């Protein structure tokens, strides 16, 4: 019964908390509506989740979130400096293909979202075989360094979390 009502309990909690953050006001009605959303959305989307993603190392998740938050802050400053002080002819944007060792769709999705959330980079396309992801970088002198940074800061952590 519990498994049927809460097919993804963590997702239910996250949805309720995100709803409260979006409305930016904790009232009884908002808490009830958040709880309803947290129950109904996973129940409706449950059939589309044939396998549950298994996270093997919860401490690595916390580390990953902290690394991503730090990188977002640093990238915001870097992008602001590029916008304020670089001329258009001095900006060297690049398309970078990042080969993936990840095989879990959830891990690849988190990686693509992380790349897009970090200012200055956007994940644009996943190869048909899931073996690489195409990333656009706003400014870099060394595209290989950007590729290696993505793999060393994000991909190996996600690999430990999801596989």
N, C-alpha and C. Protein backbone atom coordinates (compact mmCIF):
# COMPACT_ATOMS: atom_id res chain seq x y z
N UNK A 1 0.83 -1.20 0.00
CA UNK A 1 0.00 0.00 0.00
C UNK A 1 0.87 1.26 0.00
N UNK A 2 1.89 1.28 0.87
CA UNK A 2 2.78 2.45 0.95
C UNK A 2 3.52 2.65 -0.37
N UNK A 3 3.98 1.54 -0.96
CA UNK A 3 4.73 1.59 -2.22
C UNK A 3 3.84 2.10 -3.36
N UNK A 4 2.57 1.78 -3.30
CA UNK A 4 1.64 2.23 -4.34
C UNK A 4 1.30 3.71 -4.18
N UNK A 5 1.17 4.16 -2.95
CA UNK A 5 0.84 5.57 -2.69
C UNK A 5 2.06 6.46 -2.88
N UNK A 6 3.22 5.96 -2.51
CA UNK A 6 4.47 6.72 -2.65
C UNK A 6 5.48 5.90 -3.47
N UNK A 7 5.32 5.86 -4.81
CA UNK A 7 6.25 5.06 -5.60
C UNK A 7 7.68 5.61 -5.56
N UNK A 8 7.80 6.90 -5.35
CA UNK A 8 9.11 7.55 -5.27
C UNK A 8 9.08 8.53 -4.09
N UNK A 9 9.30 8.05 -2.87
CA UNK A 9 9.14 8.89 -1.69
C UNK A 9 10.05 10.12 -1.69
N UNK A 10 11.29 9.95 -2.13
CA UNK A 10 12.21 11.09 -2.16
C UNK A 10 11.71 12.15 -3.14
N UNK A 11 11.22 11.71 -4.29
CA UNK A 11 10.65 12.65 -5.27
C UNK A 11 9.45 13.38 -4.68
N UNK A 12 8.63 12.67 -3.93
CA UNK A 12 7.46 13.30 -3.30
C UNK A 12 7.89 14.42 -2.35
N UNK A 13 8.90 14.15 -1.56
CA UNK A 13 9.39 15.17 -0.61
C UNK A 13 9.98 16.35 -1.36
N UNK A 14 10.78 16.06 -2.38
CA UNK A 14 11.41 17.14 -3.16
C UNK A 14 10.35 18.00 -3.85
N UNK A 15 9.34 17.37 -4.43
CA UNK A 15 8.28 18.14 -5.10
C UNK A 15 7.54 19.04 -4.12
N UNK A 16 7.24 18.53 -2.94
CA UNK A 16 6.56 19.34 -1.94
C UNK A 16 7.43 20.52 -1.51
N UNK A 17 8.72 20.28 -1.30
CA UNK A 17 9.62 21.36 -0.90
C UNK A 17 9.82 22.39 -2.02
N UNK A 18 9.91 21.90 -3.26
CA UNK A 18 10.05 22.83 -4.39
C UNK A 18 8.79 23.68 -4.52
N UNK A 19 7.63 23.08 -4.32
CA UNK A 19 6.39 23.85 -4.37
C UNK A 19 6.40 24.96 -3.31
N UNK A 20 6.81 24.62 -2.10
CA UNK A 20 6.86 25.62 -1.04
C UNK A 20 7.87 26.73 -1.36
N UNK A 21 8.97 26.35 -1.98
CA UNK A 21 9.97 27.35 -2.36
C UNK A 21 9.43 28.25 -3.47
N UNK A 22 8.67 27.68 -4.39
CA UNK A 22 8.13 28.48 -5.50
C UNK A 22 7.08 29.47 -5.04
N UNK A 23 6.21 29.06 -4.14
CA UNK A 23 5.17 29.98 -3.67
C UNK A 23 5.73 30.96 -2.64
N UNK A 24 6.87 30.61 -2.05
CA UNK A 24 7.60 31.51 -1.15
C UNK A 24 6.78 31.95 0.07
N UNK A 25 5.86 31.09 0.47
CA UNK A 25 5.05 31.39 1.65
C UNK A 25 4.57 30.06 2.23
N UNK A 26 4.89 29.82 3.48
CA UNK A 26 4.49 28.57 4.12
C UNK A 26 3.18 28.82 4.86
N UNK A 27 2.10 28.36 4.24
CA UNK A 27 0.78 28.42 4.87
C UNK A 27 0.22 26.99 4.86
N UNK A 28 -0.85 26.80 5.59
CA UNK A 28 -1.45 25.47 5.65
C UNK A 28 -1.89 25.02 4.26
N UNK A 29 -2.51 25.91 3.51
CA UNK A 29 -2.97 25.58 2.16
C UNK A 29 -1.81 25.22 1.24
N UNK A 30 -0.72 25.97 1.31
CA UNK A 30 0.44 25.67 0.46
C UNK A 30 1.09 24.35 0.84
N UNK A 31 1.14 24.05 2.13
CA UNK A 31 1.71 22.77 2.57
C UNK A 31 0.83 21.61 2.08
N UNK A 32 -0.49 21.76 2.20
CA UNK A 32 -1.41 20.71 1.75
C UNK A 32 -1.29 20.53 0.24
N UNK A 33 -1.28 21.63 -0.51
CA UNK A 33 -1.15 21.53 -1.97
C UNK A 33 0.19 20.92 -2.36
N UNK A 34 1.25 21.29 -1.67
CA UNK A 34 2.56 20.69 -1.94
C UNK A 34 2.55 19.19 -1.66
N UNK A 35 1.90 18.79 -0.59
CA UNK A 35 1.80 17.37 -0.26
C UNK A 35 0.98 16.63 -1.32
N UNK A 36 -0.10 17.25 -1.77
CA UNK A 36 -0.91 16.62 -2.82
C UNK A 36 -0.09 16.46 -4.10
N UNK A 37 0.62 17.50 -4.49
CA UNK A 37 1.48 17.41 -5.68
C UNK A 37 2.55 16.34 -5.49
N UNK A 38 3.11 16.27 -4.29
CA UNK A 38 4.14 15.28 -4.00
C UNK A 38 3.64 13.84 -4.06
N UNK A 39 2.34 13.66 -3.89
CA UNK A 39 1.77 12.32 -3.98
C UNK A 39 1.27 12.03 -5.39
N UNK A 40 0.56 12.98 -5.99
CA UNK A 40 -0.09 12.75 -7.28
C UNK A 40 0.90 12.66 -8.44
N UNK A 41 1.87 13.57 -8.51
CA UNK A 41 2.80 13.58 -9.65
C UNK A 41 3.59 12.27 -9.74
N UNK A 42 4.21 11.77 -8.66
CA UNK A 42 4.90 10.49 -8.79
C UNK A 42 3.97 9.32 -9.12
N UNK A 43 2.72 9.36 -8.63
CA UNK A 43 1.78 8.30 -8.97
C UNK A 43 1.46 8.31 -10.46
N UNK A 44 1.27 9.50 -11.03
CA UNK A 44 0.94 9.60 -12.45
C UNK A 44 2.13 9.27 -13.35
N UNK A 45 3.33 9.61 -12.91
CA UNK A 45 4.51 9.37 -13.73
C UNK A 45 5.18 8.04 -13.43
N UNK A 46 4.72 7.33 -12.42
CA UNK A 46 5.31 6.04 -12.03
C UNK A 46 5.44 5.03 -13.15
N UNK A 47 4.41 4.87 -13.99
CA UNK A 47 4.54 3.90 -15.08
C UNK A 47 5.67 4.21 -16.07
N UNK A 48 6.10 5.44 -16.12
CA UNK A 48 7.16 5.82 -17.04
C UNK A 48 8.55 5.63 -16.44
N UNK A 49 8.62 5.13 -15.24
CA UNK A 49 9.88 4.86 -14.55
C UNK A 49 10.01 3.35 -14.39
N UNK A 50 10.42 2.64 -15.43
CA UNK A 50 10.48 1.17 -15.30
C UNK A 50 11.50 0.71 -14.26
N UNK A 51 12.60 1.45 -14.15
CA UNK A 51 13.61 1.12 -13.15
C UNK A 51 13.83 2.33 -12.26
N UNK A 52 14.02 2.09 -11.03
CA UNK A 52 14.37 3.18 -10.11
C UNK A 52 15.86 3.41 -10.14
N UNK A 53 16.24 4.66 -10.15
CA UNK A 53 17.67 4.98 -10.07
C UNK A 53 18.16 4.64 -8.66
N UNK A 54 19.24 3.94 -8.60
CA UNK A 54 19.83 3.58 -7.31
C UNK A 54 21.00 4.50 -7.03
N UNK A 55 20.95 5.16 -5.89
CA UNK A 55 22.06 6.01 -5.47
C UNK A 55 22.82 5.27 -4.39
N UNK A 56 24.09 4.98 -4.68
CA UNK A 56 24.84 4.12 -3.79
C UNK A 56 25.59 4.86 -2.68
N UNK A 57 25.83 6.14 -2.85
CA UNK A 57 26.67 6.85 -1.88
C UNK A 57 26.05 8.22 -1.55
N UNK A 58 25.24 8.31 -0.50
CA UNK A 58 24.57 9.56 -0.16
C UNK A 58 25.55 10.70 0.18
N UNK A 59 26.67 10.38 0.77
CA UNK A 59 27.65 11.44 1.08
C UNK A 59 28.24 12.03 -0.19
N UNK A 60 28.37 11.21 -1.21
CA UNK A 60 28.87 11.70 -2.50
C UNK A 60 27.85 12.66 -3.13
N UNK A 61 26.56 12.45 -2.86
CA UNK A 61 25.52 13.36 -3.37
C UNK A 61 25.71 14.74 -2.75
N UNK A 62 25.94 14.79 -1.45
CA UNK A 62 26.16 16.07 -0.78
C UNK A 62 27.41 16.76 -1.33
N UNK A 63 28.46 15.98 -1.51
CA UNK A 63 29.69 16.53 -2.08
C UNK A 63 29.43 17.08 -3.49
N UNK A 64 28.67 16.34 -4.29
CA UNK A 64 28.37 16.77 -5.65
C UNK A 64 27.60 18.08 -5.66
N UNK A 65 26.59 18.18 -4.80
CA UNK A 65 25.79 19.41 -4.73
C UNK A 65 26.67 20.59 -4.33
N UNK A 66 27.54 20.41 -3.36
CA UNK A 66 28.43 21.49 -2.94
C UNK A 66 29.39 21.90 -4.05
N UNK A 67 29.94 20.93 -4.78
CA UNK A 67 30.84 21.25 -5.89
C UNK A 67 30.09 22.03 -6.97
N UNK A 68 28.89 21.59 -7.30
CA UNK A 68 28.10 22.27 -8.33
C UNK A 68 27.75 23.69 -7.89
N UNK A 69 27.33 23.86 -6.64
CA UNK A 69 27.00 25.20 -6.16
C UNK A 69 28.22 26.12 -6.21
N UNK A 70 29.37 25.62 -5.82
CA UNK A 70 30.60 26.41 -5.88
C UNK A 70 30.92 26.77 -7.33
N UNK A 71 30.81 25.81 -8.22
CA UNK A 71 31.11 26.06 -9.63
C UNK A 71 30.14 27.07 -10.25
N UNK A 72 28.88 27.05 -9.82
CA UNK A 72 27.91 28.03 -10.32
C UNK A 72 28.30 29.44 -9.88
N UNK A 73 28.71 29.58 -8.63
CA UNK A 73 29.13 30.91 -8.14
C UNK A 73 30.36 31.40 -8.90
N UNK A 74 31.35 30.54 -9.03
CA UNK A 74 32.58 30.92 -9.74
C UNK A 74 32.27 31.25 -11.20
N UNK A 75 31.45 30.41 -11.86
CA UNK A 75 31.13 30.65 -13.27
C UNK A 75 30.33 31.94 -13.45
N UNK A 76 29.48 32.29 -12.49
CA UNK A 76 28.76 33.56 -12.59
C UNK A 76 29.72 34.73 -12.62
N UNK A 77 30.72 34.69 -11.76
CA UNK A 77 31.72 35.76 -11.74
C UNK A 77 32.50 35.79 -13.05
N UNK A 78 32.90 34.62 -13.54
CA UNK A 78 33.66 34.56 -14.79
C UNK A 78 32.85 35.08 -15.97
N UNK A 79 31.59 34.71 -16.06
CA UNK A 79 30.74 35.18 -17.16
C UNK A 79 30.52 36.68 -17.04
N UNK A 80 30.33 37.18 -15.83
CA UNK A 80 30.18 38.63 -15.65
C UNK A 80 31.43 39.37 -16.12
N UNK A 81 32.60 38.83 -15.81
CA UNK A 81 33.84 39.46 -16.26
C UNK A 81 33.96 39.42 -17.79
N UNK A 82 33.57 38.33 -18.39
CA UNK A 82 33.61 38.22 -19.85
C UNK A 82 32.67 39.26 -20.47
N UNK A 83 31.48 39.36 -19.95
CA UNK A 83 30.50 40.29 -20.51
C UNK A 83 30.93 41.73 -20.33
N UNK A 84 31.49 42.04 -19.17
CA UNK A 84 31.84 43.43 -18.89
C UNK A 84 33.14 43.86 -19.56
N UNK A 85 34.12 42.98 -19.69
CA UNK A 85 35.44 43.43 -20.10
C UNK A 85 35.95 42.86 -21.43
N UNK A 86 35.31 41.86 -21.98
CA UNK A 86 35.77 41.31 -23.25
C UNK A 86 35.00 41.96 -24.40
N UNK A 87 35.69 42.17 -25.47
CA UNK A 87 35.01 42.62 -26.68
C UNK A 87 34.55 41.40 -27.43
N UNK A 88 33.54 41.57 -28.26
CA UNK A 88 32.98 40.43 -28.99
C UNK A 88 34.03 39.68 -29.80
N UNK A 89 34.98 40.40 -30.39
CA UNK A 89 35.98 39.72 -31.21
C UNK A 89 36.99 38.93 -30.36
N UNK A 90 37.04 39.19 -29.06
CA UNK A 90 37.96 38.47 -28.18
C UNK A 90 37.33 37.25 -27.52
N UNK A 91 36.04 37.08 -27.68
CA UNK A 91 35.35 35.93 -27.08
C UNK A 91 35.54 34.72 -28.00
N UNK A 92 36.03 33.65 -27.43
CA UNK A 92 36.29 32.42 -28.20
C UNK A 92 35.34 31.32 -27.72
N UNK A 93 34.19 31.25 -28.34
CA UNK A 93 33.25 30.19 -27.97
C UNK A 93 33.59 28.93 -28.76
N UNK A 94 33.28 27.80 -28.17
CA UNK A 94 33.62 26.51 -28.78
C UNK A 94 32.50 25.50 -28.56
N UNK A 95 32.38 24.59 -29.52
CA UNK A 95 31.56 23.41 -29.36
C UNK A 95 32.49 22.28 -28.93
N UNK A 96 32.13 21.60 -27.87
CA UNK A 96 32.99 20.58 -27.29
C UNK A 96 32.20 19.27 -27.19
N UNK A 97 32.79 18.21 -27.67
CA UNK A 97 32.19 16.88 -27.51
C UNK A 97 32.82 16.22 -26.28
N UNK A 98 31.97 15.88 -25.33
CA UNK A 98 32.44 15.24 -24.11
C UNK A 98 32.06 13.77 -24.15
N UNK A 99 33.03 12.86 -24.29
CA UNK A 99 32.70 11.43 -24.28
C UNK A 99 32.25 11.02 -22.88
N UNK A 100 31.26 10.16 -22.84
CA UNK A 100 30.68 9.77 -21.55
C UNK A 100 31.02 8.33 -21.19
N UNK A 101 31.35 8.15 -19.93
CA UNK A 101 31.48 6.81 -19.37
C UNK A 101 30.20 6.42 -18.64
N UNK A 102 29.32 7.39 -18.40
CA UNK A 102 28.06 7.13 -17.71
C UNK A 102 27.13 6.33 -18.62
N UNK A 103 26.38 5.41 -18.03
CA UNK A 103 25.41 4.65 -18.80
C UNK A 103 23.99 4.83 -18.28
N UNK A 104 23.85 5.25 -17.05
CA UNK A 104 22.54 5.44 -16.45
C UNK A 104 21.88 6.69 -17.03
N UNK A 105 20.65 6.57 -17.54
CA UNK A 105 19.96 7.75 -18.07
C UNK A 105 19.80 8.86 -17.04
N UNK A 106 19.59 8.46 -15.78
CA UNK A 106 19.44 9.48 -14.73
C UNK A 106 20.74 10.24 -14.52
N UNK A 107 21.85 9.53 -14.51
CA UNK A 107 23.15 10.18 -14.32
C UNK A 107 23.47 11.11 -15.49
N UNK A 108 23.18 10.67 -16.71
CA UNK A 108 23.42 11.52 -17.88
C UNK A 108 22.53 12.76 -17.83
N UNK A 109 21.30 12.60 -17.38
CA UNK A 109 20.40 13.74 -17.26
C UNK A 109 20.91 14.74 -16.22
N UNK A 110 21.38 14.23 -15.09
CA UNK A 110 21.92 15.12 -14.06
C UNK A 110 23.17 15.85 -14.59
N UNK A 111 24.02 15.14 -15.31
CA UNK A 111 25.21 15.77 -15.88
C UNK A 111 24.83 16.86 -16.87
N UNK A 112 23.89 16.58 -17.76
CA UNK A 112 23.46 17.58 -18.74
C UNK A 112 22.84 18.79 -18.04
N UNK A 113 22.05 18.56 -17.02
CA UNK A 113 21.47 19.67 -16.26
C UNK A 113 22.53 20.48 -15.54
N UNK A 114 23.51 19.80 -14.99
CA UNK A 114 24.60 20.49 -14.29
C UNK A 114 25.38 21.38 -15.24
N UNK A 115 25.69 20.85 -16.41
CA UNK A 115 26.43 21.64 -17.41
C UNK A 115 25.62 22.87 -17.80
N UNK A 116 24.33 22.71 -18.00
CA UNK A 116 23.48 23.83 -18.40
C UNK A 116 23.30 24.84 -17.27
N UNK A 117 23.22 24.37 -16.02
CA UNK A 117 23.04 25.29 -14.90
C UNK A 117 24.28 26.13 -14.63
N UNK A 118 25.44 25.62 -15.04
CA UNK A 118 26.67 26.35 -14.80
C UNK A 118 26.81 27.42 -15.87
N UNK A 119 26.79 28.69 -15.50
CA UNK A 119 26.85 29.76 -16.50
C UNK A 119 28.08 29.64 -17.39
N UNK A 120 27.87 29.92 -18.66
CA UNK A 120 28.96 29.87 -19.63
C UNK A 120 29.00 28.58 -20.41
N UNK A 121 28.25 27.55 -19.99
CA UNK A 121 28.18 26.29 -20.72
C UNK A 121 26.73 25.85 -20.86
N UNK A 122 26.46 25.18 -21.99
CA UNK A 122 25.12 24.65 -22.24
C UNK A 122 25.27 23.28 -22.88
N UNK A 123 24.62 22.28 -22.31
CA UNK A 123 24.60 20.98 -22.97
C UNK A 123 23.50 21.03 -24.01
N UNK A 124 23.84 20.66 -25.25
CA UNK A 124 22.88 20.86 -26.33
C UNK A 124 22.34 19.57 -26.92
N UNK A 125 23.15 18.52 -26.97
CA UNK A 125 22.70 17.30 -27.62
C UNK A 125 23.42 16.09 -27.06
N UNK A 126 22.66 15.02 -26.94
CA UNK A 126 23.22 13.74 -26.54
C UNK A 126 23.31 12.88 -27.79
N UNK A 127 24.43 12.21 -27.96
CA UNK A 127 24.59 11.32 -29.11
C UNK A 127 23.53 10.24 -29.07
N UNK A 128 23.15 9.74 -30.24
CA UNK A 128 22.11 8.72 -30.33
C UNK A 128 22.44 7.48 -29.51
N UNK A 129 23.71 7.14 -29.44
CA UNK A 129 24.10 5.96 -28.66
C UNK A 129 24.35 6.28 -27.19
N UNK A 130 24.22 7.56 -26.79
CA UNK A 130 24.44 7.95 -25.40
C UNK A 130 25.90 7.97 -25.00
N UNK A 131 26.79 7.92 -25.98
CA UNK A 131 28.21 7.85 -25.68
C UNK A 131 28.91 9.18 -25.54
N UNK A 132 28.24 10.27 -25.93
CA UNK A 132 28.86 11.59 -25.79
C UNK A 132 27.78 12.66 -25.73
N UNK A 133 28.19 13.81 -25.23
CA UNK A 133 27.27 14.95 -25.13
C UNK A 133 27.96 16.16 -25.75
N UNK A 134 27.19 16.94 -26.49
CA UNK A 134 27.72 18.13 -27.14
C UNK A 134 27.47 19.34 -26.24
N UNK A 135 28.53 20.08 -25.95
CA UNK A 135 28.46 21.22 -25.02
C UNK A 135 28.93 22.47 -25.74
N UNK A 136 28.21 23.56 -25.56
CA UNK A 136 28.68 24.85 -26.07
C UNK A 136 29.26 25.63 -24.90
N UNK A 137 30.47 26.13 -25.10
CA UNK A 137 31.17 26.91 -24.07
C UNK A 137 31.28 28.35 -24.56
N UNK A 138 30.88 29.29 -23.73
CA UNK A 138 30.88 30.71 -24.10
C UNK A 138 32.28 31.22 -24.43
N UNK A 139 33.25 30.89 -23.60
CA UNK A 139 34.61 31.39 -23.83
C UNK A 139 35.62 30.43 -23.22
N UNK A 140 36.55 29.99 -24.06
CA UNK A 140 37.67 29.19 -23.56
C UNK A 140 38.81 29.24 -24.57
N UNK A 141 40.01 29.22 -24.05
CA UNK A 141 41.18 29.11 -24.90
C UNK A 141 41.57 27.65 -25.11
N UNK A 142 41.06 26.77 -24.25
CA UNK A 142 41.45 25.36 -24.29
C UNK A 142 40.20 24.47 -24.14
N UNK A 143 39.57 24.08 -25.26
CA UNK A 143 38.37 23.24 -25.18
C UNK A 143 38.62 21.89 -24.49
N UNK A 144 39.82 21.35 -24.65
CA UNK A 144 40.13 20.06 -24.00
C UNK A 144 40.11 20.19 -22.48
N UNK A 145 40.53 21.35 -21.99
CA UNK A 145 40.51 21.58 -20.55
C UNK A 145 39.07 21.61 -20.03
N UNK A 146 38.17 22.24 -20.79
CA UNK A 146 36.76 22.26 -20.39
C UNK A 146 36.21 20.84 -20.36
N UNK A 147 36.52 20.05 -21.39
CA UNK A 147 36.08 18.66 -21.44
C UNK A 147 36.61 17.88 -20.23
N UNK A 148 37.91 18.05 -19.96
CA UNK A 148 38.51 17.33 -18.84
C UNK A 148 37.94 17.79 -17.50
N UNK A 149 37.62 19.07 -17.38
CA UNK A 149 37.03 19.59 -16.14
C UNK A 149 35.65 18.98 -15.91
N UNK A 150 34.86 18.90 -16.95
CA UNK A 150 33.52 18.29 -16.83
C UNK A 150 33.66 16.84 -16.37
N UNK A 151 34.58 16.12 -16.96
CA UNK A 151 34.77 14.71 -16.60
C UNK A 151 35.33 14.56 -15.19
N UNK A 152 36.27 15.44 -14.82
CA UNK A 152 36.91 15.26 -13.52
C UNK A 152 36.10 15.83 -12.36
N UNK A 153 35.31 16.85 -12.60
CA UNK A 153 34.55 17.45 -11.50
C UNK A 153 33.16 16.84 -11.35
N UNK A 154 32.55 16.43 -12.45
CA UNK A 154 31.16 15.98 -12.39
C UNK A 154 30.98 14.51 -12.71
N UNK A 155 31.53 14.07 -13.84
CA UNK A 155 31.19 12.74 -14.32
C UNK A 155 31.61 11.62 -13.36
N UNK A 156 32.82 11.68 -12.83
CA UNK A 156 33.25 10.58 -11.95
C UNK A 156 32.44 10.54 -10.67
N UNK A 157 32.01 11.72 -10.18
CA UNK A 157 31.17 11.72 -8.98
C UNK A 157 29.81 11.08 -9.28
N UNK A 158 29.25 11.47 -10.43
CA UNK A 158 27.96 10.89 -10.82
C UNK A 158 28.08 9.38 -11.05
N UNK A 159 29.19 8.97 -11.56
CA UNK A 159 29.41 7.54 -11.78
C UNK A 159 29.42 6.79 -10.44
N UNK A 160 30.02 7.39 -9.43
CA UNK A 160 30.04 6.77 -8.10
C UNK A 160 28.67 6.82 -7.44
N UNK A 161 27.89 7.86 -7.75
CA UNK A 161 26.58 7.99 -7.14
C UNK A 161 25.58 7.00 -7.76
N UNK A 162 25.56 6.93 -9.09
CA UNK A 162 24.51 6.17 -9.78
C UNK A 162 24.90 4.77 -10.21
N UNK A 163 26.20 4.44 -10.26
CA UNK A 163 26.54 3.11 -10.79
C UNK A 163 27.30 2.30 -9.79
